[in-house]
């Protein structure tokens, strides 16, 4: 198994569809991509409905794995791996804690559960950028005061950006209030209140799915974005992946924790370069695009 001096990070759902389509075409011959197409009865990229989270989640998972294996091979030892939201599952596979095919089945299950929950209780997610997180909390509380429902901080990506998740009407109110404050907002292409209490209804089904999969000691350090700590106990990783459906993504804290590990850089496996862009706005540790990586020799 080859040892490398850089870590790998994996994005969650939310990559622009055109970037996902490009990545699917690039990795079309990869066995896992072929399995993905067969699973959804797709012959061409256009046959995949990337607007459907039941499709886009496993697509994101598959493309992350395909990118790493295409660039680095299927057996690499890394100094660190972690992921954002869905990317936490991909990272657990890359770390050797879950086998790649079990990871694919979990990505399919997670996508279906999230889709079904969004249909039953429509939700939305929005990224809000401000001078500080206190401004985002000010918007969140006022939105809840005027439009009762659920609105939670689903992730803290930097000292100036967080993602809000909740009922569609409350998210819409938060966007309105944020824009009144001249804050920048970006609605995510997601139709559910992920990483919020709205996901509690599907948690038992997700727990059963994760419990059915074998978890083992990995070969690479795994850093969780749920508690911003490294884990070697496979059962701890199992429980974290279960809780991740409701818990916020502590991305900024996890990047700070990553500085304790020895690596020359972190590489964003994609699809897209979401994590590269986040690192440019809040340069705690350098993150580069895996697609731009050129191995020595």
C-alpha atoms as a PDB file:
ATOM      1  CA  UNK A   1       0.000   0.000   0.000  1.00  0.00           C
ATOM      2  CA  UNK A   2       1.480   3.351  -1.071  1.00  0.00           C
ATOM      3  CA  UNK A   3       1.996   6.019   1.601  1.00  0.00           C
ATOM      4  CA  UNK A   4       1.394   9.635   0.568  1.00  0.00           C
ATOM      5  CA  UNK A   5       2.087  12.944   2.312  1.00  0.00           C
ATOM      6  CA  UNK A   6      -1.196  14.713   1.546  1.00  0.00           C
ATOM      7  CA  UNK A   7      -4.709  14.222   2.848  1.00  0.00           C
ATOM      8  CA  UNK A   8      -7.948  13.863   0.916  1.00  0.00           C
ATOM      9  CA  UNK A   9     -11.200  15.715   1.628  1.00  0.00           C
ATOM     10  CA  UNK A  10     -14.599  14.973   0.112  1.00  0.00           C
ATOM     11  CA  UNK A  11     -17.449  17.430  -0.544  1.00  0.00           C
ATOM     12  CA  UNK A  12     -21.082  16.882   0.254  1.00  0.00           C
ATOM     13  CA  UNK A  13     -24.120  17.258  -1.915  1.00  0.00           C
ATOM     14  CA  UNK A  14     -24.622  20.605  -3.616  1.00  0.00           C
ATOM     15  CA  UNK A  15     -22.075  20.634  -6.458  1.00  0.00           C
ATOM     16  CA  UNK A  16     -23.360  22.370  -9.566  1.00  0.00           C
ATOM     17  CA  UNK A  17     -24.953  19.879 -11.912  1.00  0.00           C
ATOM     18  CA  UNK A  18     -22.834  20.797 -14.918  1.00  0.00           C
ATOM     19  CA  UNK A  19     -19.675  20.014 -12.928  1.00  0.00           C
ATOM     20  CA  UNK A  20     -21.097  16.652 -11.875  1.00  0.00           C
ATOM     21  CA  UNK A  21     -21.953  15.868 -15.490  1.00  0.00           C
ATOM     22  CA  UNK A  22     -18.405  16.698 -16.570  1.00  0.00           C
ATOM     23  CA  UNK A  23     -16.988  14.432 -13.864  1.00  0.00           C
ATOM     24  CA  UNK A  24     -19.329  11.595 -14.857  1.00  0.00           C
ATOM     25  CA  UNK A  25     -18.104  11.824 -18.436  1.00  0.00           C
ATOM     26  CA  UNK A  26     -14.486  11.908 -17.272  1.00  0.00           C
ATOM     27  CA  UNK A  27     -14.888   8.788 -15.105  1.00  0.00           C
ATOM     28  CA  UNK A  28     -17.458   6.998 -17.288  1.00  0.00           C
ATOM     29  CA  UNK A  29     -15.275   3.881 -17.597  1.00  0.00           C
ATOM     30  CA  UNK A  30     -14.712   3.483 -13.849  1.00  0.00           C
ATOM     31  CA  UNK A  31     -16.412   0.282 -12.560  1.00  0.00           C
ATOM     32  CA  UNK A  32     -18.248   2.114  -9.782  1.00  0.00           C
ATOM     33  CA  UNK A  33     -19.588   4.690 -12.249  1.00  0.00           C
ATOM     34  CA  UNK A  34     -20.743   1.850 -14.467  1.00  0.00           C
ATOM     35  CA  UNK A  35     -22.490   0.295 -11.463  1.00  0.00           C
ATOM     36  CA  UNK A  36     -24.150   3.640 -10.781  1.00  0.00           C
ATOM     37  CA  UNK A  37     -25.502   3.842 -14.333  1.00  0.00           C
ATOM     38  CA  UNK A  38     -26.768   0.259 -14.138  1.00  0.00           C
ATOM     39  CA  UNK A  39     -28.460   0.927 -10.797  1.00  0.00           C
ATOM     40  CA  UNK A  40     -30.492   3.804 -12.233  1.00  0.00           C
ATOM     41  CA  UNK A  41     -31.002   2.199 -15.648  1.00  0.00           C
ATOM     42  CA  UNK A  42     -29.112   5.059 -17.283  1.00  0.00           C
ATOM     43  CA  UNK A  43     -27.359   4.820 -20.627  1.00  0.00           C
ATOM     44  CA  UNK A  44     -26.146   8.410 -20.815  1.00  0.00           C
ATOM     45  CA  UNK A  45     -25.337  11.140 -18.299  1.00  0.00           C
ATOM     46  CA  UNK A  46     -28.521  12.968 -19.306  1.00  0.00           C
ATOM     47  CA  UNK A  47     -30.537   9.971 -18.089  1.00  0.00           C
ATOM     48  CA  UNK A  48     -29.545  10.748 -14.486  1.00  0.00           C
ATOM     49  CA  UNK A  49     -31.803  13.235 -12.698  1.00  0.00           C
ATOM     50  CA  UNK A  50     -29.259  15.191 -10.685  1.00  0.00           C
ATOM     51  CA  UNK A  51     -32.059  17.351  -9.259  1.00  0.00           C
ATOM     52  CA  UNK A  52     -33.185  14.268  -7.306  1.00  0.00           C
ATOM     53  CA  UNK A  53     -31.187  13.886  -4.095  1.00  0.00           C
ATOM     54  CA  UNK A  54     -31.739  10.120  -4.310  1.00  0.00           C
ATOM     55  CA  UNK A  55     -29.547  10.291  -7.419  1.00  0.00           C
ATOM     56  CA  UNK A  56     -27.168  13.160  -6.658  1.00  0.00           C
ATOM     57  CA  UNK A  57     -25.998  11.731  -3.328  1.00  0.00           C
ATOM     58  CA  UNK A  58     -24.753   8.394  -4.724  1.00  0.00           C
ATOM     59  CA  UNK A  59     -23.372  10.242  -7.760  1.00  0.00           C
ATOM     60  CA  UNK A  60     -21.336  12.502  -5.454  1.00  0.00           C
ATOM     61  CA  UNK A  61     -20.089   9.480  -3.511  1.00  0.00           C
ATOM     62  CA  UNK A  62     -19.148   7.535  -6.642  1.00  0.00           C
ATOM     63  CA  UNK A  63     -17.318  10.464  -8.224  1.00  0.00           C
ATOM     64  CA  UNK A  64     -15.259  11.034  -5.083  1.00  0.00           C
ATOM     65  CA  UNK A  65     -14.128   7.417  -5.012  1.00  0.00           C
ATOM     66  CA  UNK A  66     -13.529   7.326  -8.771  1.00  0.00           C
ATOM     67  CA  UNK A  67     -11.385  10.470  -8.625  1.00  0.00           C
ATOM     68  CA  UNK A  68      -9.165   9.062  -5.869  1.00  0.00           C
ATOM     69  CA  UNK A  69      -8.772   5.646  -7.481  1.00  0.00           C
ATOM     70  CA  UNK A  70      -8.132   7.088 -10.929  1.00  0.00           C
ATOM     71  CA  UNK A  71      -5.402   9.403  -9.632  1.00  0.00           C
ATOM     72  CA  UNK A  72      -3.905   7.379  -6.800  1.00  0.00           C
ATOM     73  CA  UNK A  73      -5.029   3.774  -7.217  1.00  0.00           C
ATOM     74  CA  UNK A  74      -7.349   1.737  -5.027  1.00  0.00           C
ATOM     75  CA  UNK A  75      -4.839   1.105  -2.230  1.00  0.00           C
ATOM     76  CA  UNK A  76      -3.290   4.224  -0.784  1.00  0.00           C
ATOM     77  CA  UNK A  77      -2.326   5.106   2.773  1.00  0.00           C
ATOM     78  CA  UNK A  78      -3.054   8.738   3.554  1.00  0.00           C
ATOM     79  CA  UNK A  79      -2.076  10.833   6.582  1.00  0.00           C
ATOM     80  CA  UNK A  80      -5.650  12.089   6.918  1.00  0.00           C
ATOM     81  CA  UNK A  81      -9.121  11.878   5.323  1.00  0.00           C
ATOM     82  CA  UNK A  82     -12.359  13.681   6.127  1.00  0.00           C
ATOM     83  CA  UNK A  83     -15.483  14.874   4.379  1.00  0.00           C
ATOM     84  CA  UNK A  84     -18.217  17.489   4.393  1.00  0.00           C
ATOM     85  CA  UNK A  85     -21.740  16.122   5.076  1.00  0.00           C
ATOM     86  CA  UNK A  86     -22.228  13.181   2.663  1.00  0.00           C
ATOM     87  CA  UNK A  87     -18.464  13.351   2.147  1.00  0.00           C
ATOM     88  CA  UNK A  88     -18.035  11.910   5.638  1.00  0.00           C
ATOM     89  CA  UNK A  89     -19.281   8.576   4.261  1.00  0.00           C
ATOM     90  CA  UNK A  90     -16.889   8.778   1.300  1.00  0.00           C
ATOM     91  CA  UNK A  91     -14.044   9.592   3.669  1.00  0.00           C
ATOM     92  CA  UNK A  92     -14.804   6.544   5.841  1.00  0.00           C
ATOM     93  CA  UNK A  93     -14.505   4.384   2.725  1.00  0.00           C
ATOM     94  CA  UNK A  94     -11.270   6.070   1.637  1.00  0.00           C
ATOM     95  CA  UNK A  95      -9.875   5.460   5.132  1.00  0.00           C
ATOM     96  CA  UNK A  96     -10.608   1.739   4.791  1.00  0.00           C
ATOM     97  CA  UNK A  97     -13.268   1.687   7.523  1.00  0.00           C
ATOM     98  CA  UNK A  98     -16.050   0.635   5.120  1.00  0.00           C
ATOM     99  CA  UNK A  99     -15.613  -1.253   1.855  1.00  0.00           C
ATOM    100  CA  UNK A 100     -16.410   0.645  -1.311  1.00  0.00           C
ATOM    101  CA  UNK A 101     -19.485  -1.367  -2.311  1.00  0.00           C
ATOM    102  CA  UNK A 102     -21.066  -1.141   1.142  1.00  0.00           C
ATOM    103  CA  UNK A 103     -20.413   2.586   0.979  1.00  0.00           C
ATOM    104  CA  UNK A 104     -22.251   2.746  -2.335  1.00  0.00           C
ATOM    105  CA  UNK A 105     -25.280   0.977  -0.863  1.00  0.00           C
ATOM    106  CA  UNK A 106     -25.291   3.387   2.074  1.00  0.00           C
ATOM    107  CA  UNK A 107     -25.089   6.370  -0.289  1.00  0.00           C
ATOM    108  CA  UNK A 108     -28.097   5.002  -2.181  1.00  0.00           C
ATOM    109  CA  UNK A 109     -30.033   4.487   1.059  1.00  0.00           C
ATOM    110  CA  UNK A 110     -29.121   7.913   2.411  1.00  0.00           C
ATOM    111  CA  UNK A 111     -30.194   9.571  -0.811  1.00  0.00           C
ATOM    112  CA  UNK A 112     -33.563   7.801  -0.834  1.00  0.00           C
ATOM    113  CA  UNK A 113     -34.241   8.622   2.812  1.00  0.00           C
ATOM    114  CA  UNK A 114     -33.380  12.281   2.298  1.00  0.00           C
ATOM    115  CA  UNK A 115     -35.525  12.460  -0.838  1.00  0.00           C
ATOM    116  CA  UNK A 116     -38.502  10.839   0.854  1.00  0.00           C
ATOM    117  CA  UNK A 117     -38.202  13.104   3.881  1.00  0.00           C
ATOM    118  CA  UNK A 118     -38.044  16.167   1.662  1.00  0.00           C
ATOM    119  CA  UNK A 119     -41.196  15.077  -0.172  1.00  0.00           C
ATOM    120  CA  UNK A 120     -43.069  14.519   3.098  1.00  0.00           C
ATOM    121  CA  UNK A 121     -41.801  17.710   4.772  1.00  0.00           C
ATOM    122  CA  UNK A 122     -40.382  20.160   2.225  1.00  0.00           C
ATOM    123  CA  UNK A 123     -37.283  21.935   3.395  1.00  0.00           C
ATOM    124  CA  UNK A 124     -34.486  24.088   2.089  1.00  0.00           C
ATOM    125  CA  UNK A 125     -30.887  25.035   2.821  1.00  0.00           C
ATOM    126  CA  UNK A 126     -29.123  28.349   2.274  1.00  0.00           C
ATOM    127  CA  UNK A 127     -25.513  29.457   2.679  1.00  0.00           C
ATOM    128  CA  UNK A 128     -25.206  32.874   4.310  1.00  0.00           C
ATOM    129  CA  UNK A 129     -22.029  34.946   4.307  1.00  0.00           C
ATOM    130  CA  UNK A 130     -21.553  37.769   6.822  1.00  0.00           C
ATOM    131  CA  UNK A 131     -18.879  39.653   8.697  1.00  0.00           C
ATOM    132  CA  UNK A 132     -19.322  37.220  11.584  1.00  0.00           C
ATOM    133  CA  UNK A 133     -21.401  34.240  12.665  1.00  0.00           C
ATOM    134  CA  UNK A 134     -23.253  36.407  15.177  1.00  0.00           C
ATOM    135  CA  UNK A 135     -24.919  38.228  12.268  1.00  0.00           C
ATOM    136  CA  UNK A 136     -26.134  34.932  10.846  1.00  0.00           C
ATOM    137  CA  UNK A 137     -27.526  33.927  14.227  1.00  0.00           C
ATOM    138  CA  UNK A 138     -29.276  37.308  14.419  1.00  0.00           C
ATOM    139  CA  UNK A 139     -30.981  36.552  11.081  1.00  0.00           C
ATOM    140  CA  UNK A 140     -31.884  33.014  12.155  1.00  0.00           C
ATOM    141  CA  UNK A 141     -33.560  34.058  15.378  1.00  0.00           C
ATOM    142  CA  UNK A 142     -35.570  36.838  13.765  1.00  0.00           C
ATOM    143  CA  UNK A 143     -36.707  34.502  10.986  1.00  0.00           C
ATOM    144  CA  UNK A 144     -37.996  32.021  13.584  1.00  0.00           C
ATOM    145  CA  UNK A 145     -39.717  34.790  15.517  1.00  0.00           C
ATOM    146  CA  UNK A 146     -41.748  35.875  12.492  1.00  0.00           C
ATOM    147  CA  UNK A 147     -42.207  32.484  10.785  1.00  0.00           C
ATOM    148  CA  UNK A 148     -42.482  29.617  13.277  1.00  0.00           C
ATOM    149  CA  UNK A 149     -40.938  26.318  12.284  1.00  0.00           C
ATOM    150  CA  UNK A 150     -37.473  24.791  12.156  1.00  0.00           C
ATOM    151  CA  UNK A 151     -34.349  26.706  11.162  1.00  0.00           C
ATOM    152  CA  UNK A 152     -30.996  25.389  12.343  1.00  0.00           C
ATOM    153  CA  UNK A 153     -27.364  26.064  11.615  1.00  0.00           C
ATOM    154  CA  UNK A 154     -26.557  22.986   9.545  1.00  0.00           C
ATOM    155  CA  UNK A 155     -22.899  23.743   9.069  1.00  0.00           C
ATOM    156  CA  UNK A 156     -20.200  26.261   9.877  1.00  0.00           C
ATOM    157  CA  UNK A 157     -17.891  26.486   6.886  1.00  0.00           C
ATOM    158  CA  UNK A 158     -15.792  29.448   7.979  1.00  0.00           C
ATOM    159  CA  UNK A 159     -15.741  32.314  10.437  1.00  0.00           C
ATOM    160  CA  UNK A 160     -17.946  34.224   8.026  1.00  0.00           C
ATOM    161  CA  UNK A 161     -20.172  31.622   6.401  1.00  0.00           C
ATOM    162  CA  UNK A 162     -22.730  29.168   7.713  1.00  0.00           C
ATOM    163  CA  UNK A 163     -25.504  27.078   6.175  1.00  0.00           C
ATOM    164  CA  UNK A 164     -29.054  27.351   7.505  1.00  0.00           C
ATOM    165  CA  UNK A 165     -31.439  24.422   7.129  1.00  0.00           C
ATOM    166  CA  UNK A 166     -35.129  24.125   7.893  1.00  0.00           C
ATOM    167  CA  UNK A 167     -38.683  24.473   6.703  1.00  0.00           C
ATOM    168  CA  UNK A 168     -38.908  26.088   3.288  1.00  0.00           C
ATOM    169  CA  UNK A 169     -40.996  29.043   4.513  1.00  0.00           C
ATOM    170  CA  UNK A 170     -38.594  29.833   7.355  1.00  0.00           C
ATOM    171  CA  UNK A 171     -35.575  29.585   5.066  1.00  0.00           C
ATOM    172  CA  UNK A 172     -37.283  31.980   2.638  1.00  0.00           C
ATOM    173  CA  UNK A 173     -37.826  34.440   5.500  1.00  0.00           C
ATOM    174  CA  UNK A 174     -34.190  34.115   6.532  1.00  0.00           C
ATOM    175  CA  UNK A 175     -33.096  34.919   2.972  1.00  0.00           C
ATOM    176  CA  UNK A 176     -35.331  37.995   2.983  1.00  0.00           C
ATOM    177  CA  UNK A 177     -33.928  39.230   6.291  1.00  0.00           C
ATOM    178  CA  UNK A 178     -30.346  38.481   5.278  1.00  0.00           C
ATOM    179  CA  UNK A 179     -30.705  40.463   2.077  1.00  0.00           C
ATOM    180  CA  UNK A 180     -32.159  43.382   4.050  1.00  0.00           C
ATOM    181  CA  UNK A 181     -28.906  43.307   6.025  1.00  0.00           C
ATOM    182  CA  UNK A 182     -26.938  43.212   2.735  1.00  0.00           C
ATOM    183  CA  UNK A 183     -25.658  39.720   3.506  1.00  0.00           C
ATOM    184  CA  UNK A 184     -24.815  37.374   0.655  1.00  0.00           C
ATOM    185  CA  UNK A 185     -27.019  34.278   0.360  1.00  0.00           C
ATOM    186  CA  UNK A 186     -26.963  31.245  -1.901  1.00  0.00           C
ATOM    187  CA  UNK A 187     -29.783  28.725  -1.908  1.00  0.00           C
ATOM    188  CA  UNK A 188     -28.390  25.215  -2.222  1.00  0.00           C
ATOM    189  CA  UNK A 189     -29.843  22.840  -4.856  1.00  0.00           C
ATOM    190  CA  UNK A 190     -31.335  20.709  -2.078  1.00  0.00           C
ATOM    191  CA  UNK A 191     -35.023  20.162  -1.305  1.00  0.00           C
ATOM    192  CA  UNK A 192     -34.740  18.998   2.276  1.00  0.00           C
ATOM    193  CA  UNK A 193     -33.879  20.270   5.749  1.00  0.00           C
ATOM    194  CA  UNK A 194     -30.776  18.121   6.118  1.00  0.00           C
ATOM    195  CA  UNK A 195     -28.664  18.326   9.301  1.00  0.00           C
ATOM    196  CA  UNK A 196     -31.716  19.531  11.219  1.00  0.00           C
ATOM    197  CA  UNK A 197     -34.317  17.987  13.557  1.00  0.00           C
ATOM    198  CA  UNK A 198     -36.597  17.462  10.529  1.00  0.00           C
ATOM    199  CA  UNK A 199     -34.523  14.368   9.713  1.00  0.00           C
ATOM    200  CA  UNK A 200     -35.444  12.585  12.963  1.00  0.00           C
ATOM    201  CA  UNK A 201     -38.284  10.673  11.277  1.00  0.00           C
ATOM    202  CA  UNK A 202     -35.894   8.725   9.039  1.00  0.00           C
ATOM    203  CA  UNK A 203     -33.157   8.270  11.640  1.00  0.00           C
ATOM    204  CA  UNK A 204     -34.313   4.750  12.716  1.00  0.00           C
ATOM    205  CA  UNK A 205     -34.189   3.527   9.102  1.00  0.00           C
ATOM    206  CA  UNK A 206     -30.789   5.084   8.581  1.00  0.00           C
ATOM    207  CA  UNK A 207     -29.514   3.531  11.822  1.00  0.00           C
ATOM    208  CA  UNK A 208     -30.639   0.073  10.672  1.00  0.00           C
ATOM    209  CA  UNK A 209     -28.924   0.529   7.302  1.00  0.00           C
ATOM    210  CA  UNK A 210     -25.637   1.609   8.872  1.00  0.00           C
ATOM    211  CA  UNK A 211     -25.852  -1.133  11.508  1.00  0.00           C
ATOM    212  CA  UNK A 212     -26.075  -3.771   8.759  1.00  0.00           C
ATOM    213  CA  UNK A 213     -22.698  -2.785   7.287  1.00  0.00           C
ATOM    214  CA  UNK A 214     -19.347  -4.088   8.503  1.00  0.00           C
ATOM    215  CA  UNK A 215     -17.078  -1.415   9.969  1.00  0.00           C
ATOM    216  CA  UNK A 216     -13.420  -2.232  10.549  1.00  0.00           C
ATOM    217  CA  UNK A 217     -10.204  -0.586  11.701  1.00  0.00           C
ATOM    218  CA  UNK A 218      -9.053   1.685   8.896  1.00  0.00           C
ATOM    219  CA  UNK A 219      -5.611   2.188   7.401  1.00  0.00           C
ATOM    220  CA  UNK A 220      -5.740   6.031   7.365  1.00  0.00           C
ATOM    221  CA  UNK A 221      -6.663   8.522  10.108  1.00  0.00           C
ATOM    222  CA  UNK A 222     -10.316   9.566   9.906  1.00  0.00           C
ATOM    223  CA  UNK A 223     -11.347  13.006  11.139  1.00  0.00           C
ATOM    224  CA  UNK A 224     -15.060  13.502  11.807  1.00  0.00           C
ATOM    225  CA  UNK A 225     -16.754  16.778  10.956  1.00  0.00           C
ATOM    226  CA  UNK A 226     -19.444  15.995  13.528  1.00  0.00           C
ATOM    227  CA  UNK A 227     -17.177  16.367  16.553  1.00  0.00           C
ATOM    228  CA  UNK A 228     -13.966  17.674  14.900  1.00  0.00           C
ATOM    229  CA  UNK A 229     -11.965  14.768  16.350  1.00  0.00           C
ATOM    230  CA  UNK A 230      -9.961  11.885  14.906  1.00  0.00           C
ATOM    231  CA  UNK A 231     -11.286   8.349  15.381  1.00  0.00           C
ATOM    232  CA  UNK A 232      -9.775   4.895  15.094  1.00  0.00           C
ATOM    233  CA  UNK A 233     -12.608   2.903  16.715  1.00  0.00           C
ATOM    234  CA  UNK A 234     -14.889   1.683  13.897  1.00  0.00           C
ATOM    235  CA  UNK A 235     -17.918   1.668  16.191  1.00  0.00           C
ATOM    236  CA  UNK A 236     -17.367   5.326  16.990  1.00  0.00           C
ATOM    237  CA  UNK A 237     -17.296   6.083  13.266  1.00  0.00           C
ATOM    238  CA  UNK A 238     -20.501   4.091  12.794  1.00  0.00           C
ATOM    239  CA  UNK A 239     -22.330   6.142  15.413  1.00  0.00           C
ATOM    240  CA  UNK A 240     -21.000   9.408  13.996  1.00  0.00           C
ATOM    241  CA  UNK A 241     -22.251   8.532  10.502  1.00  0.00           C
ATOM    242  CA  UNK A 242     -25.670   7.825  11.987  1.00  0.00           C
ATOM    243  CA  UNK A 243     -25.822  11.080  13.926  1.00  0.00           C
ATOM    244  CA  UNK A 244     -24.548  13.069  10.940  1.00  0.00           C
ATOM    245  CA  UNK A 245     -28.034  13.011   9.445  1.00  0.00           C
ATOM    246  CA  UNK A 246     -29.175  15.460  12.153  1.00  0.00           C
ATOM    247  CA  UNK A 247     -26.005  17.071  13.466  1.00  0.00           C
ATOM    248  CA  UNK A 248     -24.339  20.175  11.997  1.00  0.00           C
ATOM    249  CA  UNK A 249     -21.142  19.982   9.954  1.00  0.00           C
ATOM    250  CA  UNK A 250     -18.340  21.577  11.976  1.00  0.00           C
ATOM    251  CA  UNK A 251     -16.118  22.158   8.964  1.00  0.00           C
ATOM    252  CA  UNK A 252     -14.109  25.080  10.301  1.00  0.00           C
ATOM    253  CA  UNK A 253     -13.342  23.331  13.590  1.00  0.00           C
ATOM    254  CA  UNK A 254     -12.343  20.203  11.704  1.00  0.00           C
ATOM    255  CA  UNK A 255      -9.896  22.154   9.554  1.00  0.00           C
ATOM    256  CA  UNK A 256      -8.390  23.582  12.724  1.00  0.00           C
ATOM    257  CA  UNK A 257      -8.067  20.052  14.146  1.00  0.00           C
ATOM    258  CA  UNK A 258      -6.457  18.892  10.888  1.00  0.00           C
ATOM    259  CA  UNK A 259      -3.460  21.125  11.535  1.00  0.00           C
ATOM    260  CA  UNK A 260      -2.265  18.610  14.127  1.00  0.00           C
ATOM    261  CA  UNK A 261      -1.604  16.051  11.371  1.00  0.00           C
ATOM    262  CA  UNK A 262       1.458  15.953   9.162  1.00  0.00           C
ATOM    263  CA  UNK A 263       0.638  16.627   5.520  1.00  0.00           C
ATOM    264  CA  UNK A 264       1.873  18.953   2.808  1.00  0.00           C
ATOM    265  CA  UNK A 265      -1.623  19.791   1.554  1.00  0.00           C
ATOM    266  CA  UNK A 266      -5.210  18.621   1.472  1.00  0.00           C
ATOM    267  CA  UNK A 267      -6.666  17.642  -1.887  1.00  0.00           C
ATOM    268  CA  UNK A 268     -10.355  18.108  -2.702  1.00  0.00           C
ATOM    269  CA  UNK A 269     -11.508  14.948  -4.483  1.00  0.00           C
ATOM    270  CA  UNK A 270     -14.593  16.655  -5.904  1.00  0.00           C
ATOM    271  CA  UNK A 271     -16.766  16.641  -7.871  1.00  0.00           C
ATOM    272  CA  UNK A 272     -16.200  20.350  -8.325  1.00  0.00           C
ATOM    273  CA  UNK A 273     -13.929  22.467  -6.144  1.00  0.00           C
ATOM    274  CA  UNK A 274     -16.302  23.519  -3.376  1.00  0.00           C
ATOM    275  CA  UNK A 275     -13.822  22.787  -0.599  1.00  0.00           C
ATOM    276  CA  UNK A 276     -10.988  24.502  -2.471  1.00  0.00           C
ATOM    277  CA  UNK A 277     -13.087  27.671  -2.675  1.00  0.00           C
ATOM    278  CA  UNK A 278     -14.010  27.512   1.013  1.00  0.00           C
ATOM    279  CA  UNK A 279     -10.325  27.244   1.911  1.00  0.00           C
ATOM    280  CA  UNK A 280      -9.494  30.334  -0.146  1.00  0.00           C
ATOM    281  CA  UNK A 281     -12.013  32.369   1.848  1.00  0.00           C
ATOM    282  CA  UNK A 282     -10.800  31.059   5.205  1.00  0.00           C
ATOM    283  CA  UNK A 283      -7.225  29.751   4.733  1.00  0.00           C
ATOM    284  CA  UNK A 284      -6.823  27.639   7.863  1.00  0.00           C
ATOM    285  CA  UNK A 285      -5.021  24.903   5.898  1.00  0.00           C
ATOM    286  CA  UNK A 286      -4.294  24.789   2.152  1.00  0.00           C
ATOM    287  CA  UNK A 287      -6.696  22.781  -0.004  1.00  0.00           C
ATOM    288  CA  UNK A 288      -5.980  22.106  -3.655  1.00  0.00           C
ATOM    289  CA  UNK A 289      -7.938  20.253  -6.332  1.00  0.00           C
ATOM    290  CA  UNK A 290      -7.127  16.570  -6.729  1.00  0.00           C
ATOM    291  CA  UNK A 291      -7.824  16.896 -10.456  1.00  0.00           C
ATOM    292  CA  UNK A 292      -4.838  19.284 -10.687  1.00  0.00           C
ATOM    293  CA  UNK A 293      -2.520  16.922  -8.808  1.00  0.00           C
ATOM    294  CA  UNK A 294       0.346  15.462 -10.846  1.00  0.00           C
ATOM    295  CA  UNK A 295       2.165  12.568  -9.153  1.00  0.00           C
ATOM    296  CA  UNK A 296       5.952  12.693  -9.267  1.00  0.00           C
ATOM    297  CA  UNK A 297       7.470  10.714 -12.096  1.00  0.00           C
END
